[in-house]
Amino acid sequence: MTFFYTLLATLLYLLALPVLWYLSTKSKYSHSIPARFFLKDTPPFQKDGLWFHACSLGEVRSLKPFIEALHAFPLRMSVITQTGYKEALGYENVEVRYLPFEIFLPFWMKRQRVLVVLEAELWPLLFCVAKAKGMKTILLNARISDKSYASYRRFSLFYRWIFQHVDVVFAQSETDKERLHTLGARDVRVTGNIKTLQTYCVTKQYPKKEMKRIIVLASTHEKEEALVLNAIELKENDQLIVAPRHPERFGLVDALLHSYAYDKGLMYARLGELSALDADVVLCNTMGELMNLYAIADVVILGGSFVEGVGGHNPLEPAFFGVKLISGVHVFNQRVLYDWVDNIVTCSIEELSVVFKNVEALPPSAIVHQGDIAPILKEIG
């Protein structure tokens, strides 16, 4: 199967070359695509390290306890996205690379002591080549959501082939363990979700005005800002900060909030402007500010959950700061994380008006479950 998969991947790569070249001209992919698909500035790792592979920003952050605990070892980290790459560069003494497309791995990859892959990054040749080069392979923080399980089962032969090359799987829950067993995973151990081990650092201390109730509408997607603004009624001492998920939407949301504030007779500003936090309505038009905003927030309305298809965002981040936390009901991608947050309120967009009106009666959110890092460190180190 390895031969046929490699042949198919090579054909797809050749067919996709014009699209890849075009996407590489876009700022969002200007570093990741040349590095992954054309090996630009992507030399192999040095040999005999501990290699972690994560997809994006959230996964890279979740590895912090492991990086700190294993700092005496030579550490490597590969990523997929530009935001993940930038975050990984923040770790000291860690070699960082974009993960090359699979067909390059047989000649790019040098032997490491251990390969640790996060969650659903089940790239077949990543595991196959790693085992062929004598590495121990670990799948960490593994989960299979309710929505994706049926799809996994339809391709069970494919996943059985992948799991032949995975030595140990650390699963988030007993349900995940059972599902992974049905897909061919062998040594599966339940250690909880490693994301609950994270501590979230503030990089900039924003002032919190006395008598102001700060409401952060976080990680919003298309249509969500309008839906939420129509559903909530701000009080005189409220300050609303809206942080869209994707920077390419900043312009559209800027226009929406400007109009909203004008109609309501409120002061509007963008976060980077002088005295922005004196305004009633603020657009967060800078990436990497959510932790700083959560730290001063009283209420967080978590986006990606009031429209279908997104699947929600990480509730652990705001819960770490003990905010009053409200979410929509469309959270299929984050269901396990939601189970480990206490006092989070989920509601439909139609119910949001009532929930928000009574938000002061809600208890603060909190992270109630901790993953078990000790057996994982023992297996890796």
Foldseek 3Di string as FASTA:
>chain_A
DVVVVLVVLVVVLVVCVVVLVVVCVDPFCVPQSCCAEVVVVAAADDEAFQEEEEEADLRLQLCVVVCVVPVVTQAEYEYRGPRRQVNNVPRPNYHYGHHHDLNCCLPRYHAYQEYEYEEPPLDQSVLVSNVVNPHAYEYEQYAAFPVCLVVCVVVLVVLLSSLVSHDEYEYADPVRVVSVVSSNHDHYHYFHGSSLVGDDDAPDADDADPPAAEEEAPQADPPPVVLQLVQADDDPRYAYEYEHNDLVCLVVVVVVVVVSCVVVVWFEEEPPDPPRVVTRYYYDNDPPCPLNSLLRHQEYEFHLAQDEDSQTDQPQSSLSNQHQAEYEHRHRVCVSNVVQKPQYHYYHSNCRNVCNVCSVPGGTIHGHDHGHCVVVSVVSD
